[in-house]
C-alpha atoms as a PDB file:
ATOM      1  CA  MET A   1       0.000   0.000   0.000  1.00  0.00           C
ATOM      2  CA  LYS A   2       3.063   2.231  -0.140  1.00  0.00           C
ATOM      3  CA  GLU A   3       2.045   3.549  -3.542  1.00  0.00           C
ATOM      4  CA  LEU A   4      -1.140   4.942  -1.984  1.00  0.00           C
ATOM      5  CA  GLU A   5       0.483   6.638   1.026  1.00  0.00           C
ATOM      6  CA  ASP A   6       0.326  10.111  -0.509  1.00  0.00           C
ATOM      7  CA  ALA A   7      -2.840   9.532  -2.509  1.00  0.00           C
ATOM      8  CA  LYS A   8      -4.787  12.689  -3.310  1.00  0.00           C
ATOM      9  CA  GLU A   9      -7.118  11.656  -6.133  1.00  0.00           C
ATOM     10  CA  LEU A  10     -10.580  10.498  -5.128  1.00  0.00           C
ATOM     11  CA  VAL A  11     -10.304   7.108  -6.815  1.00  0.00           C
ATOM     12  CA  ASP A  12      -6.943   6.489  -5.122  1.00  0.00           C
ATOM     13  CA  ILE A  13      -8.408   7.380  -1.726  1.00  0.00           C
ATOM     14  CA  LEU A  14     -11.256   4.952  -2.362  1.00  0.00           C
ATOM     15  CA  HIS A  15      -8.758   2.242  -3.303  1.00  0.00           C
ATOM     16  CA  LYS A  16      -6.725   2.880  -0.155  1.00  0.00           C
ATOM     17  CA  VAL A  17      -9.855   2.848   2.029  1.00  0.00           C
ATOM     18  CA  LEU A  18     -10.958  -0.479   0.563  1.00  0.00           C
ATOM     19  CA  LEU A  19      -7.544  -2.023   1.207  1.00  0.00           C
ATOM     20  CA  LEU A  20      -7.818  -0.845   4.818  1.00  0.00           C
ATOM     21  CA  TRP A  21     -11.398  -2.159   5.027  1.00  0.00           C
ATOM     22  CA  GLU A  22     -10.222  -5.558   3.820  1.00  0.00           C
ATOM     23  CA  LYS A  23      -7.673  -5.643   6.665  1.00  0.00           C
ATOM     24  CA  ASP A  24     -10.264  -4.431   9.224  1.00  0.00           C
ATOM     25  CA  ARG A  25      -8.221  -1.286   9.926  1.00  0.00           C
ATOM     26  CA  LYS A  26     -11.230   0.959  10.510  1.00  0.00           C
ATOM     27  CA  ASP A  27      -9.380   3.562  12.594  1.00  0.00           C
ATOM     28  CA  GLU A  28      -7.030   4.117   9.673  1.00  0.00           C
ATOM     29  CA  ILE A  29     -10.005   4.497   7.339  1.00  0.00           C
ATOM     30  CA  THR A  30     -11.459   7.382   9.333  1.00  0.00           C
ATOM     31  CA  GLU A  31      -7.996   8.877   9.750  1.00  0.00           C
ATOM     32  CA  THR A  32      -7.388   8.680   5.986  1.00  0.00           C
ATOM     33  CA  LEU A  33     -10.756  10.225   5.158  1.00  0.00           C
ATOM     34  CA  GLN A  34     -10.258  13.016   7.689  1.00  0.00           C
ATOM     35  CA  GLN A  35      -6.704  13.814   6.618  1.00  0.00           C
ATOM     36  CA  THR A  36      -7.591  13.909   2.937  1.00  0.00           C
ATOM     37  CA  GLY A  37     -10.767  15.909   3.481  1.00  0.00           C
ATOM     38  CA  TRP A  38     -12.955  13.143   2.034  1.00  0.00           C
ATOM     39  CA  LEU A  39     -14.954  12.311   5.160  1.00  0.00           C
ATOM     40  CA  LYS A  40     -18.088  13.665   3.575  1.00  0.00           C
ATOM     41  CA  ASP A  41     -21.166  12.461   1.790  1.00  0.00           C
ATOM     42  CA  SER A  42     -19.749  13.106  -1.685  1.00  0.00           C
ATOM     43  CA  PHE A  43     -17.114  10.404  -1.080  1.00  0.00           C
ATOM     44  CA  PHE A  44     -19.810   7.836  -0.402  1.00  0.00           C
ATOM     45  CA  ARG A  45     -21.925   9.110  -3.303  1.00  0.00           C
ATOM     46  CA  PHE A  46     -18.907   8.501  -5.557  1.00  0.00           C
ATOM     47  CA  ALA A  47     -18.356   5.009  -4.160  1.00  0.00           C
ATOM     48  CA  GLN A  48     -21.946   3.880  -4.759  1.00  0.00           C
ATOM     49  CA  PRO A  49     -21.963   4.049  -8.586  1.00  0.00           C
ATOM     50  CA  VAL A  50     -18.476   2.524  -8.653  1.00  0.00           C
ATOM     51  CA  SER A  51     -19.933  -0.443  -6.792  1.00  0.00           C
ATOM     52  CA  GLU A  52     -22.858  -0.630  -9.196  1.00  0.00           C
ATOM     53  CA  CYS A  53     -20.478  -0.928 -12.161  1.00  0.00           C
ATOM     54  CA  LEU A  54     -18.644  -3.930 -10.757  1.00  0.00           C
ATOM     55  CA  PRO A  55     -19.685  -7.544 -11.375  1.00  0.00           C
ATOM     56  CA  ASN A  56     -21.679  -8.998  -8.469  1.00  0.00           C
ATOM     57  CA  ASP A  57     -19.152 -11.755  -7.824  1.00  0.00           C
ATOM     58  CA  SER A  58     -16.052  -9.535  -7.777  1.00  0.00           C
ATOM     59  CA  LYS A  59     -13.980  -9.175  -4.635  1.00  0.00           C
ATOM     60  CA  GLU A  60     -13.864  -5.404  -5.099  1.00  0.00           C
ATOM     61  CA  LYS A  61     -17.663  -5.125  -5.204  1.00  0.00           C
ATOM     62  CA  LYS A  62     -18.004  -7.178  -2.035  1.00  0.00           C
ATOM     63  CA  LEU A  63     -15.468  -4.983  -0.248  1.00  0.00           C
ATOM     64  CA  LEU A  64     -17.078  -1.814  -1.518  1.00  0.00           C
ATOM     65  CA  ASP A  65     -20.575  -2.927  -0.572  1.00  0.00           C
ATOM     66  CA  GLY A  66     -19.377  -3.868   2.909  1.00  0.00           C
ATOM     67  CA  PHE A  67     -17.707  -0.503   3.290  1.00  0.00           C
ATOM     68  CA  LEU A  68     -20.821   1.340   2.114  1.00  0.00           C
ATOM     69  CA  THR A  69     -22.954  -0.652   4.537  1.00  0.00           C
ATOM     70  CA  GLY A  70     -20.690   0.554   7.363  1.00  0.00           C
ATOM     71  CA  LYS A  71     -20.926   4.218   6.316  1.00  0.00           C
ATOM     72  CA  GLU A  72     -23.121   5.361   9.199  1.00  0.00           C
ATOM     73  CA  ARG A  73     -20.950   3.604  11.761  1.00  0.00           C
ATOM     74  CA  ILE A  74     -17.811   5.206  10.347  1.00  0.00           C
ATOM     75  CA  ILE A  75     -19.372   8.659  10.470  1.00  0.00           C
ATOM     76  CA  SER A  76     -20.769   8.183  13.981  1.00  0.00           C
ATOM     77  CA  GLU A  77     -17.396   6.964  15.289  1.00  0.00           C
ATOM     78  CA  VAL A  78     -15.772  10.140  14.012  1.00  0.00           C
ATOM     79  CA  ARG A  79     -18.466  12.275  15.664  1.00  0.00           C
ATOM     80  CA  VAL A  80     -17.908  10.510  18.985  1.00  0.00           C
ATOM     81  CA  LYS A  81     -14.131  10.964  18.765  1.00  0.00           C
ATOM     82  CA  ASP A  82     -14.473  14.645  17.860  1.00  0.00           C
ATOM     83  CA  ALA A  83     -17.163  15.463  20.425  1.00  0.00           C
ATOM     84  CA  LYS A  84     -16.345  17.510  23.492  1.00  0.00           C
ATOM     85  CA  PRO A  85     -17.162  15.828  26.830  1.00  0.00           C
ATOM     86  CA  THR A  86     -19.872  18.404  27.628  1.00  0.00           C
ATOM     87  CA  GLU A  87     -21.776  17.393  24.489  1.00  0.00           C
ATOM     88  CA  PHE A  88     -22.730  14.116  26.172  1.00  0.00           C
ATOM     89  CA  LEU A  89     -24.183  15.669  29.296  1.00  0.00           C
ATOM     90  CA  ASP A  90     -27.602  16.441  27.798  1.00  0.00           C
END
Protein backbone atom coordinates (compact mmCIF):
# COMPACT_ATOMS: atom_id res chain seq x y z
CA MET A 1 0.00 0.00 0.00
CA LYS A 2 3.06 2.23 -0.14
CA GLU A 3 2.05 3.55 -3.54
CA LEU A 4 -1.14 4.94 -1.98
CA GLU A 5 0.48 6.64 1.03
CA ASP A 6 0.33 10.11 -0.51
CA ALA A 7 -2.84 9.53 -2.51
CA LYS A 8 -4.79 12.69 -3.31
CA GLU A 9 -7.12 11.66 -6.13
CA LEU A 10 -10.58 10.50 -5.13
CA VAL A 11 -10.30 7.11 -6.82
CA ASP A 12 -6.94 6.49 -5.12
CA ILE A 13 -8.41 7.38 -1.73
CA LEU A 14 -11.26 4.95 -2.36
CA HIS A 15 -8.76 2.24 -3.30
CA LYS A 16 -6.73 2.88 -0.16
CA VAL A 17 -9.85 2.85 2.03
CA LEU A 18 -10.96 -0.48 0.56
CA LEU A 19 -7.54 -2.02 1.21
CA LEU A 20 -7.82 -0.85 4.82
CA TRP A 21 -11.40 -2.16 5.03
CA GLU A 22 -10.22 -5.56 3.82
CA LYS A 23 -7.67 -5.64 6.66
CA ASP A 24 -10.26 -4.43 9.22
CA ARG A 25 -8.22 -1.29 9.93
CA LYS A 26 -11.23 0.96 10.51
CA ASP A 27 -9.38 3.56 12.59
CA GLU A 28 -7.03 4.12 9.67
CA ILE A 29 -10.01 4.50 7.34
CA THR A 30 -11.46 7.38 9.33
CA GLU A 31 -8.00 8.88 9.75
CA THR A 32 -7.39 8.68 5.99
CA LEU A 33 -10.76 10.23 5.16
CA GLN A 34 -10.26 13.02 7.69
CA GLN A 35 -6.70 13.81 6.62
CA THR A 36 -7.59 13.91 2.94
CA GLY A 37 -10.77 15.91 3.48
CA TRP A 38 -12.95 13.14 2.03
CA LEU A 39 -14.95 12.31 5.16
CA LYS A 40 -18.09 13.67 3.57
CA ASP A 41 -21.17 12.46 1.79
CA SER A 42 -19.75 13.11 -1.68
CA PHE A 43 -17.11 10.40 -1.08
CA PHE A 44 -19.81 7.84 -0.40
CA ARG A 45 -21.92 9.11 -3.30
CA PHE A 46 -18.91 8.50 -5.56
CA ALA A 47 -18.36 5.01 -4.16
CA GLN A 48 -21.95 3.88 -4.76
CA PRO A 49 -21.96 4.05 -8.59
CA VAL A 50 -18.48 2.52 -8.65
CA SER A 51 -19.93 -0.44 -6.79
CA GLU A 52 -22.86 -0.63 -9.20
CA CYS A 53 -20.48 -0.93 -12.16
CA LEU A 54 -18.64 -3.93 -10.76
CA PRO A 55 -19.69 -7.54 -11.37
CA ASN A 56 -21.68 -9.00 -8.47
CA ASP A 57 -19.15 -11.76 -7.82
CA SER A 58 -16.05 -9.54 -7.78
CA LYS A 59 -13.98 -9.17 -4.64
CA GLU A 60 -13.86 -5.40 -5.10
CA LYS A 61 -17.66 -5.13 -5.20
CA LYS A 62 -18.00 -7.18 -2.04
CA LEU A 63 -15.47 -4.98 -0.25
CA LEU A 64 -17.08 -1.81 -1.52
CA ASP A 65 -20.58 -2.93 -0.57
CA GLY A 66 -19.38 -3.87 2.91
CA PHE A 67 -17.71 -0.50 3.29
CA LEU A 68 -20.82 1.34 2.11
CA THR A 69 -22.95 -0.65 4.54
CA GLY A 70 -20.69 0.55 7.36
CA LYS A 71 -20.93 4.22 6.32
CA GLU A 72 -23.12 5.36 9.20
CA ARG A 73 -20.95 3.60 11.76
CA ILE A 74 -17.81 5.21 10.35
CA ILE A 75 -19.37 8.66 10.47
CA SER A 76 -20.77 8.18 13.98
CA GLU A 77 -17.40 6.96 15.29
CA VAL A 78 -15.77 10.14 14.01
CA ARG A 79 -18.47 12.27 15.66
CA VAL A 80 -17.91 10.51 18.99
CA LYS A 81 -14.13 10.96 18.76
CA ASP A 82 -14.47 14.65 17.86
CA ALA A 83 -17.16 15.46 20.43
CA LYS A 84 -16.34 17.51 23.49
CA PRO A 85 -17.16 15.83 26.83
CA THR A 86 -19.87 18.40 27.63
CA GLU A 87 -21.78 17.39 24.49
CA PHE A 88 -22.73 14.12 26.17
CA LEU A 89 -24.18 15.67 29.30
CA ASP A 90 -27.60 16.44 27.80
